[in-house]
Amino acid sequence: MLENLPSSLEKPSKGRAPSMLSLASSMLREIAEPRPVGDTIKLAIARAARAVSSHLPEPMSYARAENLWRGEARRIDAAEMDAIRAAHAARAKSLRQEIQQAQALVDQLEALAASVTAGRPRRSDLEFRKAADEARKMAHTLRQIALENSEA
């Protein structure tokens, strides 16, 4: 009698592709990253829910986000999955931009260091000030992001 069960009732094997629910769960966890020091799961879930809510007509509740996060939801709507994918893509784009900005700053500082060692201090002073200003702006922006995430 057990051999006649439909395949949809079988437990998924380890070799199968992840289900939409497990995909949504892992994407929500990535959306909540990076997690600041002292961050709690509750804050991370709330942060992910806010990010996904910006792509939905109605905000995602904390309870719904928690069910998806923990993989305990019974279903996931296509609109929710699309919103999770959109929030995940937006987070990935933001991270790529931050990495590019940091790399540009590193390039500026390396060029500055090379010019200082080459004996061109006057021009380097101006470049150094400009690079330092950019570093301060980036640090200020990253600090604001961290504060916003810690208030969640």
C-alpha atoms as a PDB file:
ATOM      1  CA  MET A   1       0.000   0.000   0.000  1.00  0.00           C
ATOM      2  CA  LEU A   2       2.850   2.457   0.776  1.00  0.00           C
ATOM      3  CA  GLU A   3       4.398   1.913  -2.611  1.00  0.00           C
ATOM      4  CA  ASN A   4       1.289   3.470  -4.256  1.00  0.00           C
ATOM      5  CA  LEU A   5       1.767   6.898  -2.631  1.00  0.00           C
ATOM      6  CA  PRO A   6       2.045   9.782  -5.079  1.00  0.00           C
ATOM      7  CA  SER A   7       5.582  11.078  -5.551  1.00  0.00           C
ATOM      8  CA  SER A   8       4.524  14.519  -4.280  1.00  0.00           C
ATOM      9  CA  LEU A   9       4.108  13.040  -0.784  1.00  0.00           C
ATOM     10  CA  GLU A  10       7.600  11.613  -0.676  1.00  0.00           C
ATOM     11  CA  LYS A  11      10.271  13.427   1.263  1.00  0.00           C
ATOM     12  CA  PRO A  12      12.686  15.201  -1.040  1.00  0.00           C
ATOM     13  CA  SER A  13      15.994  13.440  -1.401  1.00  0.00           C
ATOM     14  CA  LYS A  14      19.298  15.178  -0.834  1.00  0.00           C
ATOM     15  CA  GLY A  15      20.045  15.114  -4.558  1.00  0.00           C
ATOM     16  CA  ARG A  16      16.979  17.140  -5.578  1.00  0.00           C
ATOM     17  CA  ALA A  17      16.968  20.851  -6.233  1.00  0.00           C
ATOM     18  CA  PRO A  18      15.925  23.008  -3.279  1.00  0.00           C
ATOM     19  CA  SER A  19      12.243  23.777  -2.928  1.00  0.00           C
ATOM     20  CA  MET A  20      10.868  27.266  -3.386  1.00  0.00           C
ATOM     21  CA  LEU A  21      10.445  27.507   0.375  1.00  0.00           C
ATOM     22  CA  SER A  22      14.064  26.673   1.107  1.00  0.00           C
ATOM     23  CA  LEU A  23      15.149  29.047  -1.665  1.00  0.00           C
ATOM     24  CA  ALA A  24      13.002  31.825  -0.183  1.00  0.00           C
ATOM     25  CA  SER A  25      14.424  31.107   3.271  1.00  0.00           C
ATOM     26  CA  SER A  26      18.024  31.316   2.113  1.00  0.00           C
ATOM     27  CA  MET A  27      17.334  34.456   0.073  1.00  0.00           C
ATOM     28  CA  LEU A  28      15.711  36.164   3.073  1.00  0.00           C
ATOM     29  CA  ARG A  29      18.778  35.347   5.152  1.00  0.00           C
ATOM     30  CA  GLU A  30      21.032  36.865   2.487  1.00  0.00           C
ATOM     31  CA  ILE A  31      18.829  39.960   2.217  1.00  0.00           C
ATOM     32  CA  ALA A  32      19.342  40.560   5.944  1.00  0.00           C
ATOM     33  CA  GLU A  33      23.140  40.538   5.509  1.00  0.00           C
ATOM     34  CA  PRO A  34      25.497  41.978   6.520  1.00  0.00           C
ATOM     35  CA  ARG A  35      24.501  41.557  10.117  1.00  0.00           C
ATOM     36  CA  PRO A  36      26.045  44.053  12.518  1.00  0.00           C
ATOM     37  CA  VAL A  37      27.688  42.969  15.738  1.00  0.00           C
ATOM     38  CA  GLY A  38      25.044  42.191  18.358  1.00  0.00           C
ATOM     39  CA  ASP A  39      22.319  41.684  15.762  1.00  0.00           C
ATOM     40  CA  THR A  40      19.548  39.298  16.716  1.00  0.00           C
ATOM     41  CA  ILE A  41      17.595  36.923  14.511  1.00  0.00           C
ATOM     42  CA  LYS A  42      14.484  38.979  15.224  1.00  0.00           C
ATOM     43  CA  LEU A  43      16.135  42.154  13.913  1.00  0.00           C
ATOM     44  CA  ALA A  44      17.467  40.325  10.864  1.00  0.00           C
ATOM     45  CA  ILE A  45      14.008  38.935  10.043  1.00  0.00           C
ATOM     46  CA  ALA A  46      12.443  42.388  10.458  1.00  0.00           C
ATOM     47  CA  ARG A  47      15.115  43.912   8.199  1.00  0.00           C
ATOM     48  CA  ALA A  48      14.464  41.267   5.522  1.00  0.00           C
ATOM     49  CA  ALA A  49      10.681  41.783   5.796  1.00  0.00           C
ATOM     50  CA  ARG A  50      11.100  45.541   5.268  1.00  0.00           C
ATOM     51  CA  ALA A  51      13.302  44.978   2.222  1.00  0.00           C
ATOM     52  CA  VAL A  52      10.802  42.554   0.680  1.00  0.00           C
ATOM     53  CA  SER A  53       7.843  44.800   1.584  1.00  0.00           C
ATOM     54  CA  SER A  54       9.177  47.525  -0.699  1.00  0.00           C
ATOM     55  CA  HIS A  55       8.456  45.163  -3.615  1.00  0.00           C
ATOM     56  CA  LEU A  56       4.926  44.148  -2.510  1.00  0.00           C
ATOM     57  CA  PRO A  57       1.615  46.026  -2.700  1.00  0.00           C
ATOM     58  CA  GLU A  58       1.039  45.285   1.006  1.00  0.00           C
ATOM     59  CA  PRO A  59       3.843  45.027   3.576  1.00  0.00           C
ATOM     60  CA  MET A  60       5.085  41.578   4.559  1.00  0.00           C
ATOM     61  CA  SER A  61       4.325  40.978   8.220  1.00  0.00           C
ATOM     62  CA  TYR A  62       7.034  39.952  10.636  1.00  0.00           C
ATOM     63  CA  ALA A  63       5.203  36.668  11.316  1.00  0.00           C
ATOM     64  CA  ARG A  64       5.070  35.829   7.609  1.00  0.00           C
ATOM     65  CA  ALA A  65       8.747  36.666   7.146  1.00  0.00           C
ATOM     66  CA  GLU A  66       9.622  34.548  10.185  1.00  0.00           C
ATOM     67  CA  ASN A  67       7.669  31.558   8.811  1.00  0.00           C
ATOM     68  CA  LEU A  68       9.492  31.857   5.500  1.00  0.00           C
ATOM     69  CA  TRP A  69      12.865  32.463   7.214  1.00  0.00           C
ATOM     70  CA  ARG A  70      12.514  29.324   9.312  1.00  0.00           C
ATOM     71  CA  GLY A  71      11.125  27.253   6.419  1.00  0.00           C
ATOM     72  CA  GLU A  72       7.866  26.643   8.273  1.00  0.00           C
ATOM     73  CA  ALA A  73       5.470  28.251   5.776  1.00  0.00           C
ATOM     74  CA  ARG A  74       3.003  25.902   4.110  1.00  0.00           C
ATOM     75  CA  ARG A  75       3.033  27.805   0.840  1.00  0.00           C
ATOM     76  CA  ILE A  76       4.628  30.737  -0.897  1.00  0.00           C
ATOM     77  CA  ASP A  77       2.750  32.915  -3.344  1.00  0.00           C
ATOM     78  CA  ALA A  78       4.289  33.817  -6.676  1.00  0.00           C
ATOM     79  CA  ALA A  79       4.067  37.526  -5.794  1.00  0.00           C
ATOM     80  CA  GLU A  80       5.944  36.904  -2.532  1.00  0.00           C
ATOM     81  CA  MET A  81       8.638  34.908  -4.303  1.00  0.00           C
ATOM     82  CA  ASP A  82       8.968  37.605  -6.965  1.00  0.00           C
ATOM     83  CA  ALA A  83       9.304  40.247  -4.231  1.00  0.00           C
ATOM     84  CA  ILE A  84      11.941  38.178  -2.437  1.00  0.00           C
ATOM     85  CA  ARG A  85      13.861  37.770  -5.694  1.00  0.00           C
ATOM     86  CA  ALA A  86      13.611  41.517  -6.379  1.00  0.00           C
ATOM     87  CA  ALA A  87      14.811  42.425  -2.879  1.00  0.00           C
ATOM     88  CA  HIS A  88      17.631  39.893  -3.191  1.00  0.00           C
ATOM     89  CA  ALA A  89      18.677  41.362  -6.537  1.00  0.00           C
ATOM     90  CA  ALA A  90      18.524  44.910  -5.132  1.00  0.00           C
ATOM     91  CA  ARG A  91      20.729  43.885  -2.198  1.00  0.00           C
ATOM     92  CA  ALA A  92      23.213  42.216  -4.546  1.00  0.00           C
ATOM     93  CA  LYS A  93      23.329  45.356  -6.707  1.00  0.00           C
ATOM     94  CA  SER A  94      23.893  47.528  -3.638  1.00  0.00           C
ATOM     95  CA  LEU A  95      26.734  45.294  -2.473  1.00  0.00           C
ATOM     96  CA  ARG A  96      28.348  45.386  -5.925  1.00  0.00           C
ATOM     97  CA  GLN A  97      28.190  49.194  -5.901  1.00  0.00           C
ATOM     98  CA  GLU A  98      29.718  49.371  -2.410  1.00  0.00           C
ATOM     99  CA  ILE A  99      32.516  47.038  -3.500  1.00  0.00           C
ATOM    100  CA  GLN A 100      33.160  49.126  -6.612  1.00  0.00           C
ATOM    101  CA  GLN A 101      33.296  52.325  -4.530  1.00  0.00           C
ATOM    102  CA  ALA A 102      35.664  50.730  -2.046  1.00  0.00           C
ATOM    103  CA  GLN A 103      37.856  49.426  -4.891  1.00  0.00           C
ATOM    104  CA  ALA A 104      37.960  52.883  -6.473  1.00  0.00           C
ATOM    105  CA  LEU A 105      39.045  54.337  -3.138  1.00  0.00           C
ATOM    106  CA  VAL A 106      41.716  51.659  -2.774  1.00  0.00           C
ATOM    107  CA  ASP A 107      42.952  52.482  -6.284  1.00  0.00           C
ATOM    108  CA  GLN A 108      43.103  56.188  -5.402  1.00  0.00           C
ATOM    109  CA  LEU A 109      45.018  55.503  -2.211  1.00  0.00           C
ATOM    110  CA  GLU A 110      47.453  53.161  -3.987  1.00  0.00           C
ATOM    111  CA  ALA A 111      48.091  55.787  -6.673  1.00  0.00           C
ATOM    112  CA  LEU A 112      48.585  58.368  -3.956  1.00  0.00           C
ATOM    113  CA  ALA A 113      51.074  56.174  -2.129  1.00  0.00           C
ATOM    114  CA  ALA A 114      52.945  55.570  -5.375  1.00  0.00           C
ATOM    115  CA  SER A 115      53.126  59.291  -6.147  1.00  0.00           C
ATOM    116  CA  VAL A 116      54.365  60.108  -2.635  1.00  0.00           C
ATOM    117  CA  THR A 117      57.151  57.568  -2.933  1.00  0.00           C
ATOM    118  CA  ALA A 118      57.972  58.952  -6.406  1.00  0.00           C
ATOM    119  CA  GLY A 119      58.698  62.347  -4.840  1.00  0.00           C
ATOM    120  CA  ARG A 120      55.710  64.421  -5.994  1.00  0.00           C
ATOM    121  CA  PRO A 121      54.406  65.633  -2.627  1.00  0.00           C
ATOM    122  CA  ARG A 122      52.591  68.836  -3.686  1.00  0.00           C
ATOM    123  CA  ARG A 123      50.246  67.139  -6.114  1.00  0.00           C
ATOM    124  CA  SER A 124      49.930  64.205  -3.725  1.00  0.00           C
ATOM    125  CA  ASP A 125      48.808  66.488  -0.909  1.00  0.00           C
ATOM    126  CA  LEU A 126      45.766  67.548  -2.926  1.00  0.00           C
ATOM    127  CA  GLU A 127      45.075  63.981  -4.035  1.00  0.00           C
ATOM    128  CA  PHE A 128      45.494  62.760  -0.485  1.00  0.00           C
ATOM    129  CA  ARG A 129      42.975  65.295   0.806  1.00  0.00           C
ATOM    130  CA  LYS A 130      40.510  64.301  -1.918  1.00  0.00           C
ATOM    131  CA  ALA A 131      40.945  60.579  -1.173  1.00  0.00           C
ATOM    132  CA  ALA A 132      40.619  61.224   2.561  1.00  0.00           C
ATOM    133  CA  ASP A 133      37.401  63.199   1.974  1.00  0.00           C
ATOM    134  CA  GLU A 134      36.001  60.339  -0.110  1.00  0.00           C
ATOM    135  CA  ALA A 135      36.992  57.847   2.591  1.00  0.00           C
ATOM    136  CA  ARG A 136      35.233  59.978   5.227  1.00  0.00           C
ATOM    137  CA  LYS A 137      32.073  60.182   3.100  1.00  0.00           C
ATOM    138  CA  MET A 138      32.076  56.426   2.538  1.00  0.00           C
ATOM    139  CA  ALA A 139      32.643  55.759   6.244  1.00  0.00           C
ATOM    140  CA  HIS A 140      29.793  58.142   7.117  1.00  0.00           C
ATOM    141  CA  THR A 141      27.442  56.376   4.669  1.00  0.00           C
ATOM    142  CA  LEU A 142      28.392  52.931   5.964  1.00  0.00           C
ATOM    143  CA  ARG A 143      27.910  54.138   9.560  1.00  0.00           C
ATOM    144  CA  GLN A 144      24.408  55.387   8.691  1.00  0.00           C
ATOM    145  CA  ILE A 145      23.542  52.054   7.084  1.00  0.00           C
ATOM    146  CA  ALA A 146      24.778  50.225  10.182  1.00  0.00           C
ATOM    147  CA  LEU A 147      22.737  52.493  12.461  1.00  0.00           C
ATOM    148  CA  GLU A 148      19.588  52.006  10.375  1.00  0.00           C
ATOM    149  CA  ASN A 149      20.077  48.258  10.530  1.00  0.00           C
ATOM    150  CA  SER A 150      20.658  48.276  14.290  1.00  0.00           C
ATOM    151  CA  GLU A 151      17.454  50.289  14.914  1.00  0.00           C
ATOM    152  CA  ALA A 152      15.303  47.702  13.127  1.00  0.00           C
END
